PDB file of N, CA and C in Angstrom:
ATOM      1  N   UNK A   1       0.822  -1.170   0.114  1.00  0.00           N
ATOM      2  CA  UNK A   1      -0.005  -0.080  -0.056  1.00  0.00           C
ATOM      3  C   UNK A   1       0.789   1.292  -0.007  1.00  0.00           C
ATOM      4  N   UNK A   2       1.992   1.093   0.627  1.00  0.00           N
ATOM      5  CA  UNK A   2       2.789   2.313   0.760  1.00  0.00           C
ATOM      6  C   UNK A   2       3.439   2.722  -0.440  1.00  0.00           C
ATOM      7  N   UNK A   3       3.533   1.809  -1.580  1.00  0.00           N
ATOM      8  CA  UNK A   3       4.084   2.139  -2.756  1.00  0.00           C
ATOM      9  C   UNK A   3       3.097   2.764  -3.766  1.00  0.00           C
ATOM     10  N   UNK A   4       1.846   2.604  -3.274  1.00  0.00           N
ATOM     11  CA  UNK A   4       0.754   3.124  -4.130  1.00  0.00           C
ATOM     12  C   UNK A   4       0.202   4.557  -3.756  1.00  0.00           C
ATOM     13  N   UNK A   5       0.688   4.861  -2.325  1.00  0.00           N
ATOM     14  CA  UNK A   5       0.054   6.285  -1.939  1.00  0.00           C
ATOM     15  C   UNK A   5       1.472   6.887  -1.355  1.00  0.00           C
ATOM     16  N   UNK A   6       1.180   8.306  -1.240  1.00  0.00           N
ATOM     17  CA  UNK A   6       2.171   9.020  -0.642  1.00  0.00           C
ATOM     18  C   UNK A   6       2.275   8.831   0.823  1.00  0.00           C
ATOM     19  N   UNK A   7       3.331   8.912   1.430  1.00  0.00           N
ATOM     20  CA  UNK A   7       3.453   8.995   2.892  1.00  0.00           C
ATOM     21  C   UNK A   7       2.587   9.764   3.734  1.00  0.00           C
ATOM     22  N   UNK A   8       2.148  11.035   3.161  1.00  0.00           N
ATOM     23  CA  UNK A   8       1.265  11.716   3.933  1.00  0.00           C
ATOM     24  C   UNK A   8      -0.148  11.095   4.153  1.00  0.00           C
ATOM     25  N   UNK A   9      -0.519  10.050   3.241  1.00  0.00           N
ATOM     26  CA  UNK A   9      -1.770   9.504   3.460  1.00  0.00           C
ATOM     27  C   UNK A   9      -1.766   8.736   4.854  1.00  0.00           C
ATOM     28  N   UNK A  10      -0.591   8.137   5.061  1.00  0.00           N
ATOM     29  CA  UNK A  10      -0.529   7.363   6.456  1.00  0.00           C
ATOM     30  C   UNK A  10      -0.323   8.073   7.708  1.00  0.00           C
ATOM     31  N   UNK A  11       0.255   9.332   7.531  1.00  0.00           N
ATOM     32  CA  UNK A  11       0.496  10.066   8.581  1.00  0.00           C
ATOM     33  C   UNK A  11      -0.617  10.811   9.201  1.00  0.00           C
ATOM     34  N   UNK A  12      -1.513  10.985   8.437  1.00  0.00           N
ATOM     35  CA  UNK A  12      -2.782  12.071   8.949  1.00  0.00           C
ATOM     36  C   UNK A  12      -4.044  11.042   8.819  1.00  0.00           C
ATOM     37  N   UNK A  13      -4.793  10.890  10.000  1.00  0.00           N
ATOM     38  CA  UNK A  13      -5.849  10.054  10.130  1.00  0.00           C
ATOM     39  C   UNK A  13      -6.960  10.338   9.162  1.00  0.00           C
ATOM     40  N   UNK A  14      -7.168  11.759   9.178  1.00  0.00           N
ATOM     41  CA  UNK A  14      -8.360  12.027   8.459  1.00  0.00           C
ATOM     42  C   UNK A  14      -8.191  11.862   6.975  1.00  0.00           C
ATOM     43  N   UNK A  15      -6.792  12.092   6.333  1.00  0.00           N
ATOM     44  CA  UNK A  15      -6.448  11.875   5.018  1.00  0.00           C
ATOM     45  C   UNK A  15      -6.515  10.375   4.679  1.00  0.00           C
ATOM     46  N   UNK A  16      -6.176   9.412   5.630  1.00  0.00           N
ATOM     47  CA  UNK A  16      -6.273   8.019   5.489  1.00  0.00           C
ATOM     48  C   UNK A  16      -7.704   7.711   5.551  1.00  0.00           C
ATOM     49  N   UNK A  17      -8.416   8.077   6.120  1.00  0.00           N
ATOM     50  CA  UNK A  17      -9.965   7.919   6.114  1.00  0.00           C
ATOM     51  C   UNK A  17     -10.530   8.219   4.784  1.00  0.00           C
ATOM     52  N   UNK A  18     -10.205   9.390   4.309  1.00  0.00           N
ATOM     53  CA  UNK A  18     -10.728   9.907   3.092  1.00  0.00           C
ATOM     54  C   UNK A  18     -10.249   9.015   1.887  1.00  0.00           C
ATOM     55  N   UNK A  19      -9.020   8.888   1.736  1.00  0.00           N
ATOM     56  CA  UNK A  19      -8.361   8.153   0.616  1.00  0.00           C
ATOM     57  C   UNK A  19      -8.483   6.811   0.458  1.00  0.00           C
ATOM     58  N   UNK A  20      -8.110   6.019   1.976  1.00  0.00           N
ATOM     59  CA  UNK A  20      -8.035   4.697   1.911  1.00  0.00           C
ATOM     60  C   UNK A  20      -9.476   3.936   2.299  1.00  0.00           C
ATOM     61  N   UNK A  21     -10.290   5.041   3.126  1.00  0.00           N
ATOM     62  CA  UNK A  21     -11.624   4.248   3.696  1.00  0.00           C
ATOM     63  C   UNK A  21     -11.536   3.801   4.963  1.00  0.00           C
ATOM     64  N   UNK A  22     -10.349   3.783   5.680  1.00  0.00           N
ATOM     65  CA  UNK A  22     -10.159   3.229   6.908  1.00  0.00           C
ATOM     66  C   UNK A  22      -9.105   3.969   7.757  1.00  0.00           C
ATOM     67  N   UNK A  23      -9.216   3.888   9.024  1.00  0.00           N
ATOM     68  CA  UNK A  23      -7.952   4.243   9.899  1.00  0.00           C
ATOM     69  C   UNK A  23      -7.503   3.028  10.591  1.00  0.00           C
ATOM     70  N   UNK A  24      -6.311   3.027  11.067  1.00  0.00           N
ATOM     71  CA  UNK A  24      -5.665   2.210  11.724  1.00  0.00           C
ATOM     72  C   UNK A  24      -5.743   2.456  13.199  1.00  0.00           C
ATOM     73  N   UNK A  25      -5.888   1.373  14.055  1.00  0.00           N
ATOM     74  CA  UNK A  25      -5.924   1.382  15.608  1.00  0.00           C
ATOM     75  C   UNK A  25      -5.097   0.259  15.906  1.00  0.00           C
ATOM     76  N   UNK A  26      -4.091   0.728  16.748  1.00  0.00           N
ATOM     77  CA  UNK A  26      -3.202  -0.102  17.377  1.00  0.00           C
ATOM     78  C   UNK A  26      -3.832  -0.591  18.674  1.00  0.00           C
ATOM     79  N   UNK A  27      -3.558  -1.733  19.236  1.00  0.00           N
ATOM     80  CA  UNK A  27      -4.237  -2.306  20.430  1.00  0.00           C
ATOM     81  C   UNK A  27      -3.353  -3.347  21.162  1.00  0.00           C
ATOM     82  N   UNK A  28      -3.051  -3.218  22.543  1.00  0.00           N
ATOM     83  CA  UNK A  28      -2.216  -4.303  23.296  1.00  0.00           C
ATOM     84  C   UNK A  28      -3.265  -4.988  24.083  1.00  0.00           C
ATOM     85  N   UNK A  29      -3.369  -6.299  23.840  1.00  0.00           N
ATOM     86  CA  UNK A  29      -4.373  -7.017  24.415  1.00  0.00           C
ATOM     87  C   UNK A  29      -3.709  -8.013  25.492  1.00  0.00           C
ATOM     88  N   UNK A  30      -4.149  -8.292  26.525  1.00  0.00           N
ATOM     89  CA  UNK A  30      -3.703  -9.471  27.482  1.00  0.00           C
ATOM     90  C   UNK A  30      -4.102 -10.711  27.204  1.00  0.00           C
ATOM     91  N   UNK A  31      -3.490 -11.583  27.130  1.00  0.00           N
ATOM     92  CA  UNK A  31      -4.048 -12.857  26.826  1.00  0.00           C
ATOM     93  C   UNK A  31      -3.578 -13.954  27.841  1.00  0.00           C
ATOM     94  N   UNK A  32      -4.485 -14.486  28.606  1.00  0.00           N
ATOM     95  CA  UNK A  32      -4.222 -15.414  29.749  1.00  0.00           C
ATOM     96  C   UNK A  32      -3.887 -16.873  29.283  1.00  0.00           C
ATOM     97  N   UNK A  33      -3.038 -17.375  29.916  1.00  0.00           N
ATOM     98  CA  UNK A  33      -2.359 -18.586  29.579  1.00  0.00           C
ATOM     99  C   UNK A  33      -3.434 -19.569  29.612  1.00  0.00           C
ATOM    100  N   UNK A  34      -3.445 -20.583  28.687  1.00  0.00           N
ATOM    101  CA  UNK A  34      -4.455 -21.549  28.607  1.00  0.00           C
ATOM    102  C   UNK A  34      -4.447 -22.558  29.755  1.00  0.00           C
ATOM    103  N   UNK A  35      -3.214 -22.856  30.146  1.00  0.00           N
ATOM    104  CA  UNK A  35      -3.161 -23.781  31.367  1.00  0.00           C
ATOM    105  C   UNK A  35      -3.502 -23.313  32.802  1.00  0.00           C
ATOM    106  N   UNK A  36      -3.366 -21.917  32.745  1.00  0.00           N
ATOM    107  CA  UNK A  36      -3.956 -21.188  34.191  1.00  0.00           C
ATOM    108  C   UNK A  36      -2.695 -21.227  35.068  1.00  0.00           C
ATOM    109  N   UNK A  37      -1.630 -22.026  34.770  1.00  0.00           N
ATOM    110  CA  UNK A  37      -0.376 -22.197  35.718  1.00  0.00           C
ATOM    111  C   UNK A  37       0.700 -21.070  35.588  1.00  0.00           C
ATOM    112  N   UNK A  38       0.840 -20.651  34.277  1.00  0.00           N
ATOM    113  CA  UNK A  38       1.921 -19.680  33.933  1.00  0.00           C
ATOM    114  C   UNK A  38       1.264 -18.382  33.814  1.00  0.00           C
ATOM    115  N   UNK A  39       1.981 -17.382  33.980  1.00  0.00           N
ATOM    116  CA  UNK A  39       1.536 -16.010  33.596  1.00  0.00           C
ATOM    117  C   UNK A  39       1.322 -15.801  32.026  1.00  0.00           C
ATOM    118  N   UNK A  40       0.091 -14.890  31.844  1.00  0.00           N
ATOM    119  CA  UNK A  40      -0.213 -14.643  30.628  1.00  0.00           C
ATOM    120  C   UNK A  40       0.766 -13.758  29.875  1.00  0.00           C
ATOM    121  N   UNK A  41       0.441 -13.305  28.564  1.00  0.00           N
ATOM    122  CA  UNK A  41       1.230 -12.496  27.728  1.00  0.00           C
ATOM    123  C   UNK A  41       0.520 -11.277  27.159  1.00  0.00           C
ATOM    124  N   UNK A  42       1.266 -10.307  26.642  1.00  0.00           N
ATOM    125  CA  UNK A  42       0.779  -9.237  26.137  1.00  0.00           C
ATOM    126  C   UNK A  42       0.786  -9.400  24.490  1.00  0.00           C
ATOM    127  N   UNK A  43      -0.371  -9.141  23.744  1.00  0.00           N
ATOM    128  CA  UNK A  43      -0.292  -9.513  22.484  1.00  0.00           C
ATOM    129  C   UNK A  43      -0.656  -8.137  21.571  1.00  0.00           C
ATOM    130  N   UNK A  44       0.193  -7.753  20.842  1.00  0.00           N
ATOM    131  CA  UNK A  44       0.032  -6.596  19.940  1.00  0.00           C
ATOM    132  C   UNK A  44      -0.898  -6.953  18.792  1.00  0.00           C
ATOM    133  N   UNK A  45      -2.031  -6.073  18.554  1.00  0.00           N
ATOM    134  CA  UNK A  45      -2.747  -6.249  17.552  1.00  0.00           C
ATOM    135  C   UNK A  45      -2.990  -4.897  16.874  1.00  0.00           C
ATOM    136  N   UNK A  46      -3.496  -5.142  15.501  1.00  0.00           N
ATOM    137  CA  UNK A  46      -3.841  -4.044  14.782  1.00  0.00           C
ATOM    138  C   UNK A  46      -5.245  -4.108  14.082  1.00  0.00           C
ATOM    139  N   UNK A  47      -6.198  -3.073  14.200  1.00  0.00           N
ATOM    140  CA  UNK A  47      -7.478  -3.141  13.841  1.00  0.00           C
ATOM    141  C   UNK A  47      -7.569  -2.146  12.951  1.00  0.00           C
ATOM    142  N   UNK A  48      -8.500  -2.443  11.907  1.00  0.00           N
ATOM    143  CA  UNK A  48      -8.621  -1.301  10.767  1.00  0.00           C
ATOM    144  C   UNK A  48     -10.348  -1.024  11.053  1.00  0.00           C
ATOM    145  N   UNK A  49     -10.631   0.305  11.043  1.00  0.00           N
ATOM    146  CA  UNK A  49     -11.935   0.802  11.189  1.00  0.00           C
ATOM    147  C   UNK A  49     -12.335   1.396   9.747  1.00  0.00           C
ATOM    148  N   UNK A  50     -13.085   0.387   9.309  1.00  0.00           N
ATOM    149  CA  UNK A  50     -13.554   0.894   7.819  1.00  0.00           C
ATOM    150  C   UNK A  50     -14.823   1.902   7.801  1.00  0.00           C
ATOM    151  N   UNK A  51     -14.776   2.984   7.065  1.00  0.00           N
ATOM    152  CA  UNK A  51     -15.950   3.847   6.854  1.00  0.00           C
ATOM    153  C   UNK A  51     -16.514   3.874   5.799  1.00  0.00           C
ATOM    154  N   UNK A  52     -15.964   3.156   4.776  1.00  0.00           N
ATOM    155  CA  UNK A  52     -16.542   2.905   3.386  1.00  0.00           C
ATOM    156  C   UNK A  52     -16.669   1.645   2.936  1.00  0.00           C
ATOM    157  N   UNK A  53     -17.989   1.121   2.750  1.00  0.00           N
ATOM    158  CA  UNK A  53     -18.255  -0.341   2.463  1.00  0.00           C
ATOM    159  C   UNK A  53     -17.598  -0.501   1.048  1.00  0.00           C
ATOM    160  N   UNK A  54     -17.592   0.182   0.130  1.00  0.00           N
ATOM    161  CA  UNK A  54     -16.860   0.138  -1.136  1.00  0.00           C
ATOM    162  C   UNK A  54     -15.362  -0.101  -1.014  1.00  0.00           C
ATOM    163  N   UNK A  55     -14.770   0.860  -0.200  1.00  0.00           N
ATOM    164  CA  UNK A  55     -13.332   0.601  -0.219  1.00  0.00           C
ATOM    165  C   UNK A  55     -12.838  -0.642   0.649  1.00  0.00           C
ATOM    166  N   UNK A  56     -13.825  -0.904   1.629  1.00  0.00           N
ATOM    167  CA  UNK A  56     -13.608  -2.305   2.498  1.00  0.00           C
ATOM    168  C   UNK A  56     -13.736  -3.378   1.626  1.00  0.00           C
ATOM    169  N   UNK A  57     -14.677  -3.449   0.691  1.00  0.00           N
ATOM    170  CA  UNK A  57     -14.742  -4.642  -0.294  1.00  0.00           C
ATOM    171  C   UNK A  57     -13.362  -4.505  -1.172  1.00  0.00           C
ATOM    172  N   UNK A  58     -13.148  -3.148  -1.719  1.00  0.00           N
ATOM    173  CA  UNK A  58     -11.858  -3.298  -2.421  1.00  0.00           C
ATOM    174  C   UNK A  58     -10.430  -3.704  -1.683  1.00  0.00           C
ATOM    175  N   UNK A  59     -10.453  -3.484  -0.547  1.00  0.00           N
ATOM    176  CA  UNK A  59      -9.319  -3.864   0.333  1.00  0.00           C
ATOM    177  C   UNK A  59      -9.304  -5.274   0.441  1.00  0.00           C
ATOM    178  N   UNK A  60     -10.498  -5.973   0.751  1.00  0.00           N
ATOM    179  CA  UNK A  60     -10.684  -7.411   0.917  1.00  0.00           C
ATOM    180  C   UNK A  60     -10.343  -8.164  -0.603  1.00  0.00           C
ATOM    181  N   UNK A  61     -10.605  -7.670  -1.464  1.00  0.00           N
ATOM    182  CA  UNK A  61     -10.592  -8.260  -2.723  1.00  0.00           C
ATOM    183  C   UNK A  61      -8.976  -8.200  -3.166  1.00  0.00           C
ATOM    184  N   UNK A  62      -8.257  -6.981  -2.805  1.00  0.00           N
ATOM    185  CA  UNK A  62      -6.945  -6.936  -3.033  1.00  0.00           C
ATOM    186  C   UNK A  62      -6.000  -7.817  -2.192  1.00  0.00           C
ATOM    187  N   UNK A  63      -6.317  -7.839  -1.002  1.00  0.00           N
ATOM    188  CA  UNK A  63      -5.346  -8.399   0.201  1.00  0.00           C
ATOM    189  C   UNK A  63      -5.978  -9.595   0.838  1.00  0.00           C
ATOM    190  N   UNK A  64      -7.034 -10.140   0.290  1.00  0.00           N
ATOM    191  CA  UNK A  64      -7.639 -11.422   0.814  1.00  0.00           C
ATOM    192  C   UNK A  64      -6.650 -12.505   1.044  1.00  0.00           C
ATOM    193  N   UNK A  65      -5.678 -12.739   0.135  1.00  0.00           N
ATOM    194  CA  UNK A  65      -4.798 -13.832   0.000  1.00  0.00           C
ATOM    195  C   UNK A  65      -3.805 -13.644   1.173  1.00  0.00           C
ATOM    196  N   UNK A  66      -3.388 -12.556   1.568  1.00  0.00           N
ATOM    197  CA  UNK A  66      -2.519 -12.039   2.618  1.00  0.00           C
ATOM    198  C   UNK A  66      -3.340 -12.378   3.914  1.00  0.00           C
ATOM    199  N   UNK A  67      -4.624 -11.938   3.953  1.00  0.00           N
ATOM    200  CA  UNK A  67      -5.272 -12.038   5.158  1.00  0.00           C
ATOM    201  C   UNK A  67      -5.607 -13.448   5.446  1.00  0.00           C
ATOM    202  N   UNK A  68      -5.684 -14.336   4.589  1.00  0.00           N
ATOM    203  CA  UNK A  68      -6.187 -15.712   4.885  1.00  0.00           C
ATOM    204  C   UNK A  68      -4.973 -16.695   5.195  1.00  0.00           C
ATOM    205  N   UNK A  69      -3.693 -16.156   4.935  1.00  0.00           N
ATOM    206  CA  UNK A  69      -2.703 -16.908   5.483  1.00  0.00           C
ATOM    207  C   UNK A  69      -2.425 -16.809   6.818  1.00  0.00           C
ATOM    208  N   UNK A  70      -1.308 -17.146   7.475  1.00  0.00           N
ATOM    209  CA  UNK A  70      -1.035 -17.058   8.879  1.00  0.00           C
ATOM    210  C   UNK A  70      -0.806 -15.557   9.470  1.00  0.00           C
ATOM    211  N   UNK A  71      -0.775 -14.662   8.551  1.00  0.00           N
ATOM    212  CA  UNK A  71      -0.604 -13.151   8.839  1.00  0.00           C
ATOM    213  C   UNK A  71      -1.881 -12.613   9.779  1.00  0.00           C
ATOM    214  N   UNK A  72      -2.898 -13.076   9.569  1.00  0.00           N
ATOM    215  CA  UNK A  72      -4.017 -12.380  10.470  1.00  0.00           C
ATOM    216  C   UNK A  72      -5.200 -13.101   9.939  1.00  0.00           C
ATOM    217  N   UNK A  73      -6.452 -12.798  10.629  1.00  0.00           N
ATOM    218  CA  UNK A  73      -7.747 -13.109  10.527  1.00  0.00           C
ATOM    219  C   UNK A  73      -8.685 -12.141  10.464  1.00  0.00           C
ATOM    220  N   UNK A  74      -9.586 -12.247   9.751  1.00  0.00           N
ATOM    221  CA  UNK A  74     -10.758 -11.253   9.607  1.00  0.00           C
ATOM    222  C   UNK A  74     -11.768 -11.343  10.802  1.00  0.00           C
TER     223      UNK A  74
END
């Protein structure tokens, strides 16, 4: 995506929303250990908040192969 758009699109949330149709939200989540015996861990997550259904569909068509691999889930 960064090769298709100038850097300013990713620097300003309003411009990102207008051009790409979404904004990025970073989140740190606490995950408890499944066995309950050891301490849990912190997991870094990235969420995309879409504002345009057309741009969301285009994003999913374009990047669905990457999203369906081990890189992430919808």
